């Protein structure tokens, strides 16, 4: 059984050091359903002006035991 509270706390602890407010910077959290791997993946996408977009994996939650 997935404990949503524990999973959320883990994602937030990994997200906190990566999120630094900067000028001309966009942050987005992507939630990707992977039906072939039976998992849900969480990524932090960071887009800065005149820089390449970065996608940082935060956490993977298995949907089947």
C-alpha atoms as a PDB file:
ATOM      1  CA  UNK A   1       0.000   0.000   0.000  1.00  0.00           C
ATOM      2  CA  UNK A   2       1.300   3.435  -0.933  1.00  0.00           C
ATOM      3  CA  UNK A   3       1.479   5.955   1.911  1.00  0.00           C
ATOM      4  CA  UNK A   4       0.825   9.321   0.243  1.00  0.00           C
ATOM      5  CA  UNK A   5       2.046  11.338   3.222  1.00  0.00           C
ATOM      6  CA  UNK A   6       5.470   9.655   3.272  1.00  0.00           C
ATOM      7  CA  UNK A   7       5.852   9.883  -0.507  1.00  0.00           C
ATOM      8  CA  UNK A   8       4.930  13.592  -0.453  1.00  0.00           C
ATOM      9  CA  UNK A   9       7.401  14.356   2.345  1.00  0.00           C
ATOM     10  CA  UNK A  10      10.173  12.566   0.452  1.00  0.00           C
ATOM     11  CA  UNK A  11       9.494  14.522  -2.741  1.00  0.00           C
ATOM     12  CA  UNK A  12       9.399  17.826  -0.843  1.00  0.00           C
ATOM     13  CA  UNK A  13      12.707  17.133   0.918  1.00  0.00           C
ATOM     14  CA  UNK A  14      14.328  16.419  -2.456  1.00  0.00           C
ATOM     15  CA  UNK A  15      12.676  19.447  -4.047  1.00  0.00           C
ATOM     16  CA  UNK A  16      13.619  22.046  -1.418  1.00  0.00           C
ATOM     17  CA  UNK A  17      17.367  22.339  -2.188  1.00  0.00           C
ATOM     18  CA  UNK A  18      16.710  22.448  -5.961  1.00  0.00           C
ATOM     19  CA  UNK A  19      14.170  25.278  -5.839  1.00  0.00           C
ATOM     20  CA  UNK A  20      15.966  28.615  -5.692  1.00  0.00           C
ATOM     21  CA  UNK A  21      13.989  31.598  -6.926  1.00  0.00           C
ATOM     22  CA  UNK A  22      15.842  33.334  -9.754  1.00  0.00           C
ATOM     23  CA  UNK A  23      15.020  35.980 -12.329  1.00  0.00           C
ATOM     24  CA  UNK A  24      13.640  34.712 -15.638  1.00  0.00           C
ATOM     25  CA  UNK A  25      13.378  31.141 -14.423  1.00  0.00           C
ATOM     26  CA  UNK A  26      10.412  28.769 -14.671  1.00  0.00           C
ATOM     27  CA  UNK A  27       9.900  25.690 -12.508  1.00  0.00           C
ATOM     28  CA  UNK A  28       7.532  22.846 -13.324  1.00  0.00           C
ATOM     29  CA  UNK A  29       6.861  19.500 -11.650  1.00  0.00           C
ATOM     30  CA  UNK A  30       6.006  16.760 -14.129  1.00  0.00           C
ATOM     31  CA  UNK A  31       4.155  13.630 -13.060  1.00  0.00           C
ATOM     32  CA  UNK A  32       4.614  10.843 -15.597  1.00  0.00           C
ATOM     33  CA  UNK A  33       2.652   7.605 -15.577  1.00  0.00           C
ATOM     34  CA  UNK A  34       4.818   4.700 -16.789  1.00  0.00           C
ATOM     35  CA  UNK A  35       2.397   1.814 -17.423  1.00  0.00           C
ATOM     36  CA  UNK A  36       5.140  -0.492 -18.754  1.00  0.00           C
ATOM     37  CA  UNK A  37       7.277  -0.075 -15.640  1.00  0.00           C
ATOM     38  CA  UNK A  38       4.237  -0.004 -13.313  1.00  0.00           C
ATOM     39  CA  UNK A  39       5.417   3.249 -11.747  1.00  0.00           C
ATOM     40  CA  UNK A  40       4.744   6.963 -11.490  1.00  0.00           C
ATOM     41  CA  UNK A  41       7.770   9.226 -11.953  1.00  0.00           C
ATOM     42  CA  UNK A  42       8.175  12.773 -10.602  1.00  0.00           C
ATOM     43  CA  UNK A  43      10.531  15.252 -12.296  1.00  0.00           C
ATOM     44  CA  UNK A  44      11.476  18.880 -11.679  1.00  0.00           C
ATOM     45  CA  UNK A  45      11.902  20.833 -14.914  1.00  0.00           C
ATOM     46  CA  UNK A  46      13.891  24.060 -14.702  1.00  0.00           C
ATOM     47  CA  UNK A  47      13.861  26.495 -17.614  1.00  0.00           C
ATOM     48  CA  UNK A  48      16.092  29.587 -17.557  1.00  0.00           C
ATOM     49  CA  UNK A  49      16.377  32.270 -20.193  1.00  0.00           C
ATOM     50  CA  UNK A  50      19.207  31.499 -22.656  1.00  0.00           C
ATOM     51  CA  UNK A  51      19.902  28.094 -21.046  1.00  0.00           C
ATOM     52  CA  UNK A  52      18.898  24.540 -21.829  1.00  0.00           C
ATOM     53  CA  UNK A  53      15.964  23.058 -19.956  1.00  0.00           C
ATOM     54  CA  UNK A  54      16.925  20.672 -17.156  1.00  0.00           C
ATOM     55  CA  UNK A  55      14.839  17.735 -16.034  1.00  0.00           C
ATOM     56  CA  UNK A  56      15.813  16.378 -12.621  1.00  0.00           C
ATOM     57  CA  UNK A  57      14.272  13.102 -11.403  1.00  0.00           C
ATOM     58  CA  UNK A  58      12.813  13.481  -7.913  1.00  0.00           C
ATOM     59  CA  UNK A  59      11.124  10.173  -7.082  1.00  0.00           C
ATOM     60  CA  UNK A  60       9.548   7.013  -8.474  1.00  0.00           C
ATOM     61  CA  UNK A  61       6.497   5.379  -6.888  1.00  0.00           C
ATOM     62  CA  UNK A  62       5.721   1.761  -7.763  1.00  0.00           C
ATOM     63  CA  UNK A  63       2.036   1.314  -8.535  1.00  0.00           C
ATOM     64  CA  UNK A  64       1.956  -2.494  -8.235  1.00  0.00           C
ATOM     65  CA  UNK A  65       3.425  -4.745  -5.558  1.00  0.00           C
END
